[in-house]
């Protein structure tokens, strides 16, 4: 799949896959100065890129596992969906879930971008839905083990 990308900061690195088997490419913080995130603070962080996603696909902004495990930083609306008709700058909504202030530095790898196929549904309105054995059992109704 080919995706067109515009680098809004030509001095910055473009996203790339870190290993041959990576599912996501790392997104960088396109900020000029360090950003201090207080505990439970969220911030919309620019990545400095625009992309053109082919129809039938979406981009997903996901957390980086190392940043989450080591610093408590995650993507708030995980996964953040980038629709194929969105052509603005890619942003990541970061939140600090740790108990300490965490500093995000310029060009730090803050999230990852994964491309996925999308199917749009045709909804058919009906008077009732056929019940299943599970019915409306949810939210832990199948047990914890």
Protein backbone atom coordinates (compact mmCIF):
# COMPACT_ATOMS: atom_id res chain seq x y z
CA UNK A 1 0.00 0.00 0.00
CA UNK A 2 1.34 3.41 -0.92
CA UNK A 3 0.59 6.38 1.34
CA UNK A 4 1.54 9.92 0.39
CA UNK A 5 3.14 11.90 3.22
CA UNK A 6 3.91 15.59 3.66
CA UNK A 7 6.60 16.51 6.15
CA UNK A 8 5.68 19.86 7.71
CA UNK A 9 9.16 20.11 9.23
CA UNK A 10 11.76 19.00 6.64
CA UNK A 11 14.48 18.85 9.34
CA UNK A 12 12.49 16.20 11.25
CA UNK A 13 12.55 12.47 10.66
CA UNK A 14 9.61 10.87 8.88
CA UNK A 15 7.82 8.02 10.63
CA UNK A 16 9.35 4.63 9.96
CA UNK A 17 9.07 1.01 10.97
CA UNK A 18 11.74 0.23 13.56
CA UNK A 19 12.06 -3.46 12.63
CA UNK A 20 11.21 -5.62 9.63
CA UNK A 21 8.23 -7.15 11.47
CA UNK A 22 6.83 -3.94 13.01
CA UNK A 23 3.10 -3.37 12.57
CA UNK A 24 3.31 0.33 13.35
CA UNK A 25 5.63 3.14 12.40
CA UNK A 26 6.71 5.55 15.11
CA UNK A 27 5.30 9.08 15.21
CA UNK A 28 7.46 11.90 16.60
CA UNK A 29 6.52 14.91 18.73
CA UNK A 30 6.72 17.95 16.45
CA UNK A 31 7.28 20.41 19.28
CA UNK A 32 9.94 23.13 19.62
CA UNK A 33 10.34 22.93 23.39
CA UNK A 34 10.03 20.14 25.97
CA UNK A 35 6.46 19.51 27.12
CA UNK A 36 5.87 18.67 30.79
CA UNK A 37 2.79 16.52 31.34
CA UNK A 38 1.53 16.52 34.92
CA UNK A 39 -0.19 13.40 36.31
CA UNK A 40 -3.57 12.92 34.59
CA UNK A 41 -2.86 15.83 32.22
CA UNK A 42 -3.68 15.32 28.55
CA UNK A 43 -2.27 17.21 25.61
CA UNK A 44 -2.88 17.26 21.86
CA UNK A 45 0.63 16.78 20.45
CA UNK A 46 1.37 17.51 16.78
CA UNK A 47 3.42 15.02 14.75
CA UNK A 48 4.47 17.35 11.93
CA UNK A 49 3.03 15.21 9.14
CA UNK A 50 0.01 15.02 6.87
CA UNK A 51 -0.88 11.83 5.01
CA UNK A 52 -3.23 10.75 2.26
CA UNK A 53 -4.75 7.39 3.16
CA UNK A 54 -6.27 5.37 0.31
CA UNK A 55 -10.03 4.78 0.38
CA UNK A 56 -10.89 1.54 2.17
CA UNK A 57 -8.20 2.07 4.83
CA UNK A 58 -7.78 3.97 8.07
CA UNK A 59 -4.77 5.04 10.08
CA UNK A 60 -4.75 4.20 13.80
CA UNK A 61 -2.72 6.22 16.30
CA UNK A 62 -1.75 3.81 19.07
CA UNK A 63 0.41 4.00 22.20
CA UNK A 64 4.04 2.94 22.19
CA UNK A 65 4.33 0.08 24.67
CA UNK A 66 7.71 1.21 26.03
CA UNK A 67 6.51 4.75 26.69
CA UNK A 68 3.42 3.39 28.44
CA UNK A 69 5.32 0.85 30.55
CA UNK A 70 8.28 3.05 31.48
CA UNK A 71 6.68 6.49 31.79
CA UNK A 72 2.92 5.95 32.02
CA UNK A 73 2.23 7.89 28.80
CA UNK A 74 -0.51 6.54 26.54
CA UNK A 75 -2.81 7.68 23.75
CA UNK A 76 -6.10 8.71 25.32
CA UNK A 77 -8.51 7.72 22.53
CA UNK A 78 -6.74 4.52 21.66
CA UNK A 79 -6.80 3.76 18.88
CA UNK A 80 -7.21 7.24 17.45
CA UNK A 81 -8.80 6.83 14.03
CA UNK A 82 -7.57 8.77 11.00
CA UNK A 83 -10.22 8.57 8.29
CA UNK A 84 -9.17 8.30 4.64
CA UNK A 85 -10.73 11.69 3.91
CA UNK A 86 -8.82 13.51 6.69
CA UNK A 87 -5.83 15.38 5.31
CA UNK A 88 -4.90 17.64 8.24
CA UNK A 89 -1.89 17.26 10.48
CA UNK A 90 -1.78 14.01 12.44
CA UNK A 91 -2.09 14.66 16.17
CA UNK A 92 -1.78 12.37 19.19
CA UNK A 93 -3.84 12.89 22.35
CA UNK A 94 -1.34 11.93 25.02
CA UNK A 95 -2.18 11.46 28.70
CA UNK A 96 0.13 10.96 31.66
CA UNK A 97 -1.21 8.13 33.82
CA UNK A 98 1.82 8.12 36.12
CA UNK A 99 2.12 9.84 39.49
CA UNK A 100 5.01 12.06 38.31
CA UNK A 101 5.52 14.84 35.79
CA UNK A 102 6.75 13.36 32.51
CA UNK A 103 8.68 15.40 29.95
CA UNK A 104 8.09 14.87 26.24
CA UNK A 105 11.06 16.13 24.26
CA UNK A 106 11.11 17.52 20.71
CA UNK A 107 11.18 14.70 18.13
CA UNK A 108 10.61 12.02 20.80
CA UNK A 109 8.78 8.95 19.50
CA UNK A 110 5.37 9.39 21.15
CA UNK A 111 2.96 7.02 19.40
CA UNK A 112 2.72 4.60 16.51
CA UNK A 113 0.73 4.64 13.31
CA UNK A 114 -0.88 1.43 12.02
CA UNK A 115 -2.83 1.14 8.75
CA UNK A 116 -5.89 -1.13 8.66
CA UNK A 117 -8.57 -2.03 6.12
CA UNK A 118 -12.05 -0.66 6.80
CA UNK A 119 -15.44 -2.03 5.80
CA UNK A 120 -18.42 0.28 5.78
CA UNK A 121 -21.74 -1.33 6.72
CA UNK A 122 -25.11 -0.87 5.10
CA UNK A 123 -27.61 -0.64 7.96
CA UNK A 124 -30.99 -2.32 7.51
CA UNK A 125 -33.63 -1.19 9.97
CA UNK A 126 -35.75 -4.04 11.39
CA UNK A 127 -38.46 -4.32 14.05
CA UNK A 128 -36.48 -6.79 16.20
CA UNK A 129 -33.15 -8.60 16.38
CA UNK A 130 -32.98 -12.40 16.69
CA UNK A 131 -31.87 -13.37 20.19
CA UNK A 132 -28.72 -15.43 20.76
CA UNK A 133 -27.85 -17.71 23.67
CA UNK A 134 -25.81 -14.86 25.18
CA UNK A 135 -28.56 -12.28 24.52
CA UNK A 136 -27.73 -9.03 26.31
CA UNK A 137 -25.14 -10.54 28.67
CA UNK A 138 -22.07 -8.31 28.62
CA UNK A 139 -19.61 -6.49 30.82
CA UNK A 140 -18.19 -9.60 32.49
CA UNK A 141 -21.26 -11.79 32.19
CA UNK A 142 -19.20 -14.73 30.88
CA UNK A 143 -17.10 -14.87 34.05
CA UNK A 144 -13.58 -13.84 35.00
CA UNK A 145 -11.72 -17.07 34.25
